[in-house]
């Protein structure tokens, strides 16, 4: 069922060129519950950040598509909840493409160092390369230590995406 819903969402997004849904891409789909209490959660984003009107437009198109597909509707059930939203602050980055919209923003990153040990780092995302030829990577400028009297010259750190265990956008105060 989840694969059928994913295909439905992919078709809606493919047909969204020149509409309010243009530029949106799928991050994740979760189907929860059974029978009449089923809930479908669709997580979407866009390279410049997804807007609420885009989520609403995509949600309407997906609902129309599901309701017009008798076989899919029978699988899901007629009384289903559909929620289309963007990842909130504090939600981990799932797809490499999501890094693009976080350039300049604060991230908390857990990665493996050269010894295979996990290391945590908080800093501003400076650059992203999703090139498959040279290997996808991100460049982070670590946050300066807030301890009094400690002023170290900070240098950017380049992390290949295969080193990154988890990256979470953080709020800046």
C-alpha atoms as a PDB file:
ATOM      1  CA  UNK A   1       0.000   0.000   0.000  1.00  0.00           C
ATOM      2  CA  UNK A   2       2.781   2.425   0.896  1.00  0.00           C
ATOM      3  CA  UNK A   3       4.381   1.874  -2.511  1.00  0.00           C
ATOM      4  CA  UNK A   4       1.047   2.595  -4.242  1.00  0.00           C
ATOM      5  CA  UNK A   5       0.698   5.828  -2.291  1.00  0.00           C
ATOM      6  CA  UNK A   6       4.291   6.754  -3.157  1.00  0.00           C
ATOM      7  CA  UNK A   7       3.527   6.216  -6.863  1.00  0.00           C
ATOM      8  CA  UNK A   8       0.421   8.371  -6.501  1.00  0.00           C
ATOM      9  CA  UNK A   9       2.447  11.189  -4.894  1.00  0.00           C
ATOM     10  CA  UNK A  10       5.173  10.878  -7.550  1.00  0.00           C
ATOM     11  CA  UNK A  11       2.589  11.246 -10.320  1.00  0.00           C
ATOM     12  CA  UNK A  12       1.081  14.332  -8.680  1.00  0.00           C
ATOM     13  CA  UNK A  13       4.541  15.915  -8.330  1.00  0.00           C
ATOM     14  CA  UNK A  14       5.481  15.044 -11.918  1.00  0.00           C
ATOM     15  CA  UNK A  15       2.317  16.765 -13.121  1.00  0.00           C
ATOM     16  CA  UNK A  16       2.867  19.842 -10.931  1.00  0.00           C
ATOM     17  CA  UNK A  17       5.152  21.744 -13.341  1.00  0.00           C
ATOM     18  CA  UNK A  18       3.704  25.203 -13.862  1.00  0.00           C
ATOM     19  CA  UNK A  19       1.370  24.888 -10.857  1.00  0.00           C
ATOM     20  CA  UNK A  20       1.456  25.772  -7.176  1.00  0.00           C
ATOM     21  CA  UNK A  21       3.097  22.441  -6.438  1.00  0.00           C
ATOM     22  CA  UNK A  22       6.086  23.053  -8.698  1.00  0.00           C
ATOM     23  CA  UNK A  23       9.466  22.461  -7.084  1.00  0.00           C
ATOM     24  CA  UNK A  24       8.176  20.245  -4.272  1.00  0.00           C
ATOM     25  CA  UNK A  25       9.741  16.837  -3.720  1.00  0.00           C
ATOM     26  CA  UNK A  26       8.890  13.852  -1.565  1.00  0.00           C
ATOM     27  CA  UNK A  27      10.909  13.102   1.556  1.00  0.00           C
ATOM     28  CA  UNK A  28       8.947  10.386   3.318  1.00  0.00           C
ATOM     29  CA  UNK A  29       5.553   8.671   3.598  1.00  0.00           C
ATOM     30  CA  UNK A  30       4.172   7.061   6.739  1.00  0.00           C
ATOM     31  CA  UNK A  31       0.933   5.104   6.888  1.00  0.00           C
ATOM     32  CA  UNK A  32      -0.404   4.593  10.394  1.00  0.00           C
ATOM     33  CA  UNK A  33      -3.419   2.787  11.778  1.00  0.00           C
ATOM     34  CA  UNK A  34      -5.815   0.310  10.253  1.00  0.00           C
ATOM     35  CA  UNK A  35      -9.192   0.419   8.572  1.00  0.00           C
ATOM     36  CA  UNK A  36     -11.264   3.521   9.163  1.00  0.00           C
ATOM     37  CA  UNK A  37      -8.658   5.149  11.431  1.00  0.00           C
ATOM     38  CA  UNK A  38      -5.866   5.146   8.856  1.00  0.00           C
ATOM     39  CA  UNK A  39      -3.612   8.182   8.745  1.00  0.00           C
ATOM     40  CA  UNK A  40      -1.320   8.995   5.814  1.00  0.00           C
ATOM     41  CA  UNK A  41       1.524  11.403   6.587  1.00  0.00           C
ATOM     42  CA  UNK A  42       3.462  12.799   3.649  1.00  0.00           C
ATOM     43  CA  UNK A  43       6.610  14.811   4.282  1.00  0.00           C
ATOM     44  CA  UNK A  44       7.637  17.162   1.455  1.00  0.00           C
ATOM     45  CA  UNK A  45      10.124  19.940   0.869  1.00  0.00           C
ATOM     46  CA  UNK A  46      11.445  22.241  -1.859  1.00  0.00           C
ATOM     47  CA  UNK A  47      14.937  23.609  -2.523  1.00  0.00           C
ATOM     48  CA  UNK A  48      13.866  27.073  -1.370  1.00  0.00           C
ATOM     49  CA  UNK A  49      11.613  25.732   1.391  1.00  0.00           C
ATOM     50  CA  UNK A  50       8.077  24.550   0.844  1.00  0.00           C
ATOM     51  CA  UNK A  51       5.195  26.930   1.474  1.00  0.00           C
ATOM     52  CA  UNK A  52       1.869  26.105   3.094  1.00  0.00           C
ATOM     53  CA  UNK A  53      -0.049  26.781  -0.124  1.00  0.00           C
ATOM     54  CA  UNK A  54       2.125  24.200  -1.881  1.00  0.00           C
ATOM     55  CA  UNK A  55       1.369  21.600   0.796  1.00  0.00           C
ATOM     56  CA  UNK A  56      -2.359  22.363   0.503  1.00  0.00           C
ATOM     57  CA  UNK A  57      -2.286  22.132  -3.305  1.00  0.00           C
ATOM     58  CA  UNK A  58      -0.389  18.822  -3.260  1.00  0.00           C
ATOM     59  CA  UNK A  59      -2.702  17.466  -0.550  1.00  0.00           C
ATOM     60  CA  UNK A  60      -5.809  18.216  -2.631  1.00  0.00           C
ATOM     61  CA  UNK A  61      -4.318  16.576  -5.735  1.00  0.00           C
ATOM     62  CA  UNK A  62      -3.255  13.460  -3.792  1.00  0.00           C
ATOM     63  CA  UNK A  63      -6.693  13.115  -2.171  1.00  0.00           C
ATOM     64  CA  UNK A  64      -8.363  13.464  -5.601  1.00  0.00           C
ATOM     65  CA  UNK A  65      -6.037  10.829  -7.053  1.00  0.00           C
ATOM     66  CA  UNK A  66      -6.630   8.378  -4.184  1.00  0.00           C
ATOM     67  CA  UNK A  67     -10.400   8.864  -4.254  1.00  0.00           C
ATOM     68  CA  UNK A  68     -10.539   8.294  -8.017  1.00  0.00           C
ATOM     69  CA  UNK A  69      -8.585   5.010  -7.755  1.00  0.00           C
ATOM     70  CA  UNK A  70     -11.140   2.450  -6.502  1.00  0.00           C
ATOM     71  CA  UNK A  71      -8.517  -0.222  -5.863  1.00  0.00           C
ATOM     72  CA  UNK A  72      -6.276   2.097  -3.838  1.00  0.00           C
ATOM     73  CA  UNK A  73      -9.246   3.556  -1.964  1.00  0.00           C
ATOM     74  CA  UNK A  74     -10.331   0.045  -1.001  1.00  0.00           C
ATOM     75  CA  UNK A  75      -6.826  -0.671   0.330  1.00  0.00           C
ATOM     76  CA  UNK A  76      -6.694   2.542   2.356  1.00  0.00           C
ATOM     77  CA  UNK A  77     -10.318   2.769   3.426  1.00  0.00           C
ATOM     78  CA  UNK A  78     -12.731   5.604   2.727  1.00  0.00           C
ATOM     79  CA  UNK A  79     -12.265   7.402   6.053  1.00  0.00           C
ATOM     80  CA  UNK A  80      -8.577   8.233   5.983  1.00  0.00           C
ATOM     81  CA  UNK A  81      -6.724  11.297   7.217  1.00  0.00           C
ATOM     82  CA  UNK A  82      -4.180  12.823   4.855  1.00  0.00           C
ATOM     83  CA  UNK A  83      -1.521  15.163   6.184  1.00  0.00           C
ATOM     84  CA  UNK A  84       0.983  16.823   3.845  1.00  0.00           C
ATOM     85  CA  UNK A  85       3.621  18.888   5.637  1.00  0.00           C
ATOM     86  CA  UNK A  86       7.204  20.044   5.632  1.00  0.00           C
ATOM     87  CA  UNK A  87       9.892  18.848   8.024  1.00  0.00           C
ATOM     88  CA  UNK A  88       9.875  20.982  11.137  1.00  0.00           C
ATOM     89  CA  UNK A  89      12.824  22.517  12.903  1.00  0.00           C
ATOM     90  CA  UNK A  90      14.638  19.804  14.790  1.00  0.00           C
ATOM     91  CA  UNK A  91      13.688  17.114  12.266  1.00  0.00           C
ATOM     92  CA  UNK A  92      16.759  15.303  10.890  1.00  0.00           C
ATOM     93  CA  UNK A  93      17.757  15.703   7.270  1.00  0.00           C
ATOM     94  CA  UNK A  94      16.819  12.533   5.385  1.00  0.00           C
ATOM     95  CA  UNK A  95      17.696  13.242   1.747  1.00  0.00           C
ATOM     96  CA  UNK A  96      20.949  14.804   0.497  1.00  0.00           C
ATOM     97  CA  UNK A  97      18.899  17.317  -1.515  1.00  0.00           C
ATOM     98  CA  UNK A  98      17.587  18.810   1.744  1.00  0.00           C
ATOM     99  CA  UNK A  99      21.026  20.226   2.597  1.00  0.00           C
ATOM    100  CA  UNK A 100      20.683  22.772  -0.232  1.00  0.00           C
ATOM    101  CA  UNK A 101      18.016  24.810   1.523  1.00  0.00           C
ATOM    102  CA  UNK A 102      19.959  24.821   4.796  1.00  0.00           C
ATOM    103  CA  UNK A 103      23.085  26.588   3.471  1.00  0.00           C
ATOM    104  CA  UNK A 104      23.949  29.385   5.900  1.00  0.00           C
ATOM    105  CA  UNK A 105      21.911  27.823   8.690  1.00  0.00           C
ATOM    106  CA  UNK A 106      22.947  26.191  11.943  1.00  0.00           C
ATOM    107  CA  UNK A 107      23.142  22.376  11.973  1.00  0.00           C
ATOM    108  CA  UNK A 108      23.967  19.849  14.638  1.00  0.00           C
ATOM    109  CA  UNK A 109      25.857  17.062  12.902  1.00  0.00           C
ATOM    110  CA  UNK A 110      26.950  13.664  14.169  1.00  0.00           C
ATOM    111  CA  UNK A 111      29.570  12.068  11.931  1.00  0.00           C
ATOM    112  CA  UNK A 112      32.231   9.372  12.004  1.00  0.00           C
ATOM    113  CA  UNK A 113      35.831  10.554  12.176  1.00  0.00           C
ATOM    114  CA  UNK A 114      38.813   8.864  10.529  1.00  0.00           C
ATOM    115  CA  UNK A 115      38.962   6.334  13.400  1.00  0.00           C
ATOM    116  CA  UNK A 116      35.302   5.413  12.916  1.00  0.00           C
ATOM    117  CA  UNK A 117      34.306   7.157  16.156  1.00  0.00           C
ATOM    118  CA  UNK A 118      31.131   9.280  16.317  1.00  0.00           C
ATOM    119  CA  UNK A 119      31.765  13.016  16.726  1.00  0.00           C
ATOM    120  CA  UNK A 120      29.217  15.766  17.341  1.00  0.00           C
ATOM    121  CA  UNK A 121      29.600  19.186  15.795  1.00  0.00           C
ATOM    122  CA  UNK A 122      27.414  22.281  15.736  1.00  0.00           C
ATOM    123  CA  UNK A 123      28.061  24.864  13.064  1.00  0.00           C
ATOM    124  CA  UNK A 124      26.826  26.756  10.053  1.00  0.00           C
ATOM    125  CA  UNK A 125      26.457  24.930   6.765  1.00  0.00           C
ATOM    126  CA  UNK A 126      28.679  26.797   4.302  1.00  0.00           C
ATOM    127  CA  UNK A 127      28.521  24.709   1.139  1.00  0.00           C
ATOM    128  CA  UNK A 128      26.964  21.577  -0.357  1.00  0.00           C
ATOM    129  CA  UNK A 129      28.090  19.458  -3.279  1.00  0.00           C
ATOM    130  CA  UNK A 130      25.893  16.603  -4.398  1.00  0.00           C
ATOM    131  CA  UNK A 131      28.258  15.540  -7.186  1.00  0.00           C
ATOM    132  CA  UNK A 132      28.475  11.777  -7.476  1.00  0.00           C
ATOM    133  CA  UNK A 133      31.814  11.956  -9.308  1.00  0.00           C
ATOM    134  CA  UNK A 134      33.825  13.543  -6.500  1.00  0.00           C
ATOM    135  CA  UNK A 135      31.550  12.321  -3.708  1.00  0.00           C
ATOM    136  CA  UNK A 136      28.763  14.328  -2.115  1.00  0.00           C
ATOM    137  CA  UNK A 137      29.924  16.509   0.761  1.00  0.00           C
ATOM    138  CA  UNK A 138      28.996  19.386   3.046  1.00  0.00           C
ATOM    139  CA  UNK A 139      31.209  22.123   4.468  1.00  0.00           C
ATOM    140  CA  UNK A 140      30.546  23.246   8.059  1.00  0.00           C
ATOM    141  CA  UNK A 141      31.989  26.231   9.930  1.00  0.00           C
ATOM    142  CA  UNK A 142      31.988  25.113  13.584  1.00  0.00           C
ATOM    143  CA  UNK A 143      30.407  27.442  16.126  1.00  0.00           C
ATOM    144  CA  UNK A 144      32.895  29.298  18.262  1.00  0.00           C
ATOM    145  CA  UNK A 145      33.273  28.144  21.832  1.00  0.00           C
ATOM    146  CA  UNK A 146      31.326  30.384  24.202  1.00  0.00           C
ATOM    147  CA  UNK A 147      33.766  29.874  27.068  1.00  0.00           C
ATOM    148  CA  UNK A 148      35.458  33.038  28.271  1.00  0.00           C
ATOM    149  CA  UNK A 149      39.042  33.525  27.246  1.00  0.00           C
ATOM    150  CA  UNK A 150      39.008  30.838  24.587  1.00  0.00           C
ATOM    151  CA  UNK A 151      39.300  32.278  21.120  1.00  0.00           C
ATOM    152  CA  UNK A 152      40.395  29.677  18.636  1.00  0.00           C
ATOM    153  CA  UNK A 153      40.700  30.283  14.943  1.00  0.00           C
ATOM    154  CA  UNK A 154      37.947  28.156  13.462  1.00  0.00           C
ATOM    155  CA  UNK A 155      38.355  26.437  10.129  1.00  0.00           C
ATOM    156  CA  UNK A 156      35.684  24.896   7.940  1.00  0.00           C
ATOM    157  CA  UNK A 157      35.288  21.154   8.105  1.00  0.00           C
ATOM    158  CA  UNK A 158      34.417  19.149   5.006  1.00  0.00           C
ATOM    159  CA  UNK A 159      32.359  16.029   5.617  1.00  0.00           C
ATOM    160  CA  UNK A 160      31.448  13.500   2.975  1.00  0.00           C
ATOM    161  CA  UNK A 161      27.805  12.507   3.262  1.00  0.00           C
ATOM    162  CA  UNK A 162      28.770   8.875   3.846  1.00  0.00           C
ATOM    163  CA  UNK A 163      30.439  10.079   7.086  1.00  0.00           C
ATOM    164  CA  UNK A 164      27.322  11.870   8.316  1.00  0.00           C
ATOM    165  CA  UNK A 165      25.253   9.810  10.737  1.00  0.00           C
ATOM    166  CA  UNK A 166      22.683  12.505  11.496  1.00  0.00           C
ATOM    167  CA  UNK A 167      22.230  16.193  10.666  1.00  0.00           C
ATOM    168  CA  UNK A 168      19.559  18.290  12.345  1.00  0.00           C
ATOM    169  CA  UNK A 169      18.767  21.962  11.595  1.00  0.00           C
ATOM    170  CA  UNK A 170      18.846  24.008  14.806  1.00  0.00           C
ATOM    171  CA  UNK A 171      17.196  27.274  15.804  1.00  0.00           C
ATOM    172  CA  UNK A 172      19.480  30.264  16.141  1.00  0.00           C
ATOM    173  CA  UNK A 173      18.893  32.467  19.120  1.00  0.00           C
END
